[in-house]
Amino acid sequence: MAKKCIICGDEADLSIKGSSENYCKECAEEHFADTNLLVKVEEEAKKIKDLVEHKAAQELGDEADAPVVPDESEEKPDSE
C-alpha cells in the first residue's frame, strides 16, 4: 500500500522522521526550505521490513532451541 501525500493525495516520496506526515516531491519542495531533512518513504519502509524479518527469524530460532515438553494428556504407568 503506497503512502499518500497529505497535501495533494499523490504517491508520497518523503516523510517527516517519526511522523505519519508524508509528502510528494513537489509539495515537499513547496513547503520545506530543505527537503534533505525529510526521509525517503521507501527507506523507512525497508527499515521496518528488515526489523520484522529479523524479529521473526529470532522467534523461529527460539522455538527450535526450546525444550520439548511432554504431553501431559498421555497416560502415565501406575507405580505401585
N, C-alpha and C. Protein backbone atom coordinates (compact mmCIF):
# COMPACT_ATOMS: atom_id res chain seq x y z
N MET A 1 0.85 -1.17 0.00
CA MET A 1 0.00 0.00 0.00
C MET A 1 0.90 1.23 0.00
N ALA A 2 0.73 2.06 -1.00
CA ALA A 2 1.56 3.25 -1.16
C ALA A 2 1.09 4.36 -0.21
N LYS A 3 2.04 5.09 0.31
CA LYS A 3 1.73 6.23 1.18
C LYS A 3 1.28 7.39 0.28
N LYS A 4 0.37 8.20 0.79
CA LYS A 4 -0.17 9.33 0.03
C LYS A 4 0.29 10.65 0.62
N CYS A 5 0.51 11.62 -0.24
CA CYS A 5 0.87 12.97 0.18
C CYS A 5 -0.31 13.58 0.93
N ILE A 6 -0.03 14.19 2.08
CA ILE A 6 -1.12 14.75 2.88
C ILE A 6 -1.67 16.05 2.29
N ILE A 7 -0.97 16.60 1.31
CA ILE A 7 -1.42 17.86 0.70
C ILE A 7 -2.23 17.62 -0.56
N CYS A 8 -1.66 16.85 -1.51
CA CYS A 8 -2.34 16.68 -2.80
C CYS A 8 -2.91 15.28 -3.03
N GLY A 9 -2.48 14.30 -2.23
CA GLY A 9 -3.02 12.95 -2.37
C GLY A 9 -2.26 12.07 -3.34
N ASP A 10 -1.23 12.60 -4.01
CA ASP A 10 -0.41 11.78 -4.89
C ASP A 10 0.45 10.83 -4.06
N GLU A 11 1.13 9.91 -4.74
CA GLU A 11 2.01 8.98 -4.04
C GLU A 11 3.14 9.75 -3.36
N ALA A 12 3.39 9.44 -2.09
CA ALA A 12 4.39 10.16 -1.31
C ALA A 12 5.78 9.57 -1.53
N ASP A 13 6.76 10.46 -1.59
CA ASP A 13 8.16 10.06 -1.71
C ASP A 13 8.93 10.35 -0.43
N LEU A 14 8.47 11.33 0.35
CA LEU A 14 9.19 11.81 1.52
C LEU A 14 8.27 11.88 2.73
N SER A 15 8.89 11.82 3.92
CA SER A 15 8.10 11.97 5.14
C SER A 15 8.96 12.65 6.21
N ILE A 16 8.28 13.14 7.23
CA ILE A 16 8.97 13.71 8.38
C ILE A 16 9.34 12.53 9.28
N LYS A 17 10.60 12.45 9.68
CA LYS A 17 11.05 11.32 10.50
C LYS A 17 10.24 11.25 11.79
N GLY A 18 9.76 10.05 12.09
CA GLY A 18 8.99 9.84 13.31
C GLY A 18 7.56 10.32 13.23
N SER A 19 7.09 10.61 12.03
CA SER A 19 5.74 11.14 11.86
C SER A 19 5.02 10.37 10.76
N SER A 20 3.72 10.47 10.73
CA SER A 20 2.95 9.84 9.66
C SER A 20 2.63 10.83 8.55
N GLU A 21 3.25 12.02 8.59
CA GLU A 21 3.04 13.02 7.55
C GLU A 21 3.94 12.71 6.36
N ASN A 22 3.31 12.44 5.21
CA ASN A 22 4.04 12.08 4.00
C ASN A 22 3.77 13.11 2.91
N TYR A 23 4.77 13.33 2.05
CA TYR A 23 4.68 14.35 1.01
C TYR A 23 5.24 13.83 -0.31
N CYS A 24 4.62 14.28 -1.41
CA CYS A 24 5.22 14.02 -2.71
C CYS A 24 6.38 15.01 -2.88
N LYS A 25 7.24 14.76 -3.85
CA LYS A 25 8.42 15.61 -4.03
C LYS A 25 8.03 17.08 -4.28
N GLU A 26 7.02 17.30 -5.11
CA GLU A 26 6.62 18.67 -5.44
C GLU A 26 6.11 19.43 -4.23
N CYS A 27 5.23 18.83 -3.46
CA CYS A 27 4.68 19.50 -2.27
C CYS A 27 5.76 19.73 -1.22
N ALA A 28 6.67 18.77 -1.07
CA ALA A 28 7.76 18.92 -0.10
C ALA A 28 8.64 20.11 -0.48
N GLU A 29 8.94 20.24 -1.76
CA GLU A 29 9.78 21.37 -2.20
C GLU A 29 9.08 22.70 -1.99
N GLU A 30 7.75 22.72 -2.15
CA GLU A 30 6.98 23.95 -1.94
C GLU A 30 6.90 24.35 -0.47
N HIS A 31 6.82 23.38 0.44
CA HIS A 31 6.54 23.66 1.84
C HIS A 31 7.75 23.60 2.77
N PHE A 32 8.87 23.07 2.30
CA PHE A 32 10.06 22.97 3.15
C PHE A 32 11.24 23.64 2.47
N ALA A 33 12.00 24.39 3.25
CA ALA A 33 13.18 25.07 2.71
C ALA A 33 14.26 24.06 2.34
N ASP A 34 14.38 22.99 3.11
CA ASP A 34 15.41 21.99 2.87
C ASP A 34 14.80 20.60 2.93
N THR A 35 14.58 19.99 1.78
CA THR A 35 13.98 18.66 1.74
C THR A 35 14.96 17.57 2.17
N ASN A 36 16.23 17.92 2.35
CA ASN A 36 17.20 16.94 2.82
C ASN A 36 16.93 16.52 4.26
N LEU A 37 16.13 17.31 4.98
CA LEU A 37 15.78 16.97 6.35
C LEU A 37 14.68 15.92 6.41
N LEU A 38 14.02 15.69 5.29
CA LEU A 38 12.96 14.67 5.23
C LEU A 38 13.59 13.32 4.88
N VAL A 39 12.92 12.25 5.26
CA VAL A 39 13.41 10.91 4.94
C VAL A 39 12.59 10.32 3.81
N LYS A 40 13.24 9.48 3.01
CA LYS A 40 12.52 8.83 1.92
C LYS A 40 11.62 7.75 2.48
N VAL A 41 10.40 7.71 2.00
CA VAL A 41 9.40 6.76 2.49
C VAL A 41 9.90 5.33 2.30
N GLU A 42 10.51 5.04 1.17
CA GLU A 42 10.95 3.67 0.89
C GLU A 42 12.06 3.23 1.85
N GLU A 43 12.91 4.16 2.30
CA GLU A 43 13.97 3.81 3.25
C GLU A 43 13.36 3.42 4.60
N GLU A 44 12.37 4.17 5.04
CA GLU A 44 11.70 3.85 6.31
C GLU A 44 10.98 2.51 6.20
N ALA A 45 10.32 2.27 5.07
CA ALA A 45 9.61 1.01 4.88
C ALA A 45 10.58 -0.17 4.90
N LYS A 46 11.75 0.00 4.29
CA LYS A 46 12.75 -1.07 4.28
C LYS A 46 13.27 -1.35 5.69
N LYS A 47 13.49 -0.30 6.48
CA LYS A 47 13.95 -0.50 7.85
C LYS A 47 12.92 -1.30 8.66
N ILE A 48 11.65 -0.96 8.49
CA ILE A 48 10.60 -1.65 9.22
C ILE A 48 10.52 -3.11 8.77
N LYS A 49 10.60 -3.33 7.46
CA LYS A 49 10.55 -4.70 6.93
C LYS A 49 11.71 -5.53 7.46
N ASP A 50 12.92 -4.96 7.46
CA ASP A 50 14.09 -5.67 7.97
C ASP A 50 13.93 -6.01 9.45
N LEU A 51 13.39 -5.08 10.22
CA LEU A 51 13.19 -5.30 11.65
C LEU A 51 12.19 -6.44 11.88
N VAL A 52 11.11 -6.46 11.12
CA VAL A 52 10.10 -7.51 11.26
C VAL A 52 10.69 -8.86 10.88
N GLU A 53 11.44 -8.91 9.79
CA GLU A 53 12.06 -10.17 9.36
C GLU A 53 13.06 -10.67 10.40
N HIS A 54 13.84 -9.76 10.97
CA HIS A 54 14.82 -10.13 11.99
C HIS A 54 14.12 -10.70 13.22
N LYS A 55 13.06 -10.04 13.65
CA LYS A 55 12.30 -10.48 14.82
C LYS A 55 11.67 -11.85 14.57
N ALA A 56 11.13 -12.05 13.37
CA ALA A 56 10.52 -13.34 13.03
C ALA A 56 11.57 -14.44 13.03
N ALA A 57 12.74 -14.15 12.50
CA ALA A 57 13.82 -15.15 12.47
C ALA A 57 14.26 -15.49 13.89
N GLN A 58 14.31 -14.50 14.76
CA GLN A 58 14.68 -14.75 16.16
C GLN A 58 13.66 -15.66 16.83
N GLU A 59 12.39 -15.38 16.60
CA GLU A 59 11.35 -16.18 17.24
C GLU A 59 11.36 -17.61 16.72
N LEU A 60 11.61 -17.79 15.43
CA LEU A 60 11.69 -19.14 14.89
C LEU A 60 12.90 -19.86 15.46
N GLY A 61 14.00 -19.15 15.61
CA GLY A 61 15.20 -19.74 16.19
C GLY A 61 14.99 -20.11 17.64
N ASP A 62 14.27 -19.28 18.38
CA ASP A 62 13.99 -19.56 19.79
C ASP A 62 13.12 -20.81 19.93
N GLU A 63 12.18 -20.99 19.02
CA GLU A 63 11.30 -22.16 19.08
C GLU A 63 12.10 -23.43 18.82
N ALA A 64 13.08 -23.38 17.94
CA ALA A 64 13.88 -24.55 17.63
C ALA A 64 14.75 -24.94 18.83
N ASP A 65 15.16 -23.97 19.63
CA ASP A 65 16.01 -24.22 20.79
C ASP A 65 15.22 -24.56 22.05
N ALA A 66 13.91 -24.36 22.00
CA ALA A 66 13.09 -24.57 23.19
C ALA A 66 13.05 -26.05 23.54
N PRO A 67 13.05 -26.37 24.84
CA PRO A 67 12.98 -27.78 25.24
C PRO A 67 11.63 -28.37 24.89
N VAL A 68 11.63 -29.66 24.60
CA VAL A 68 10.39 -30.35 24.27
C VAL A 68 9.70 -30.70 25.57
N VAL A 69 8.46 -30.28 25.69
CA VAL A 69 7.67 -30.54 26.90
C VAL A 69 6.75 -31.71 26.59
N PRO A 70 6.81 -32.76 27.41
CA PRO A 70 5.95 -33.92 27.14
C PRO A 70 4.48 -33.56 27.29
N ASP A 71 3.67 -34.22 26.50
CA ASP A 71 2.23 -34.00 26.53
C ASP A 71 1.66 -34.64 27.79
N GLU A 72 1.05 -33.86 28.65
CA GLU A 72 0.54 -34.37 29.92
C GLU A 72 -0.74 -35.17 29.76
N SER A 73 -1.33 -35.16 28.60
CA SER A 73 -2.56 -35.91 28.39
C SER A 73 -2.28 -37.39 28.21
N GLU A 74 -1.01 -37.75 27.95
CA GLU A 74 -0.66 -39.16 27.81
C GLU A 74 -0.75 -39.85 29.17
N GLU A 75 -1.18 -41.11 29.14
CA GLU A 75 -1.31 -41.84 30.39
C GLU A 75 0.05 -42.22 30.92
N LYS A 76 0.21 -42.09 32.23
CA LYS A 76 1.45 -42.50 32.88
C LYS A 76 1.23 -43.86 33.52
N PRO A 77 2.26 -44.69 33.49
CA PRO A 77 2.09 -46.01 34.13
C PRO A 77 1.94 -45.86 35.64
N ASP A 78 1.11 -46.71 36.20
CA ASP A 78 0.91 -46.69 37.65
C ASP A 78 2.14 -47.27 38.32
N SER A 79 2.59 -46.61 39.36
CA SER A 79 3.76 -47.11 40.10
C SER A 79 3.29 -47.50 41.50
N GLU A 80 3.05 -48.77 41.69
CA GLU A 80 2.58 -49.26 43.00
C GLU A 80 3.59 -50.13 43.64
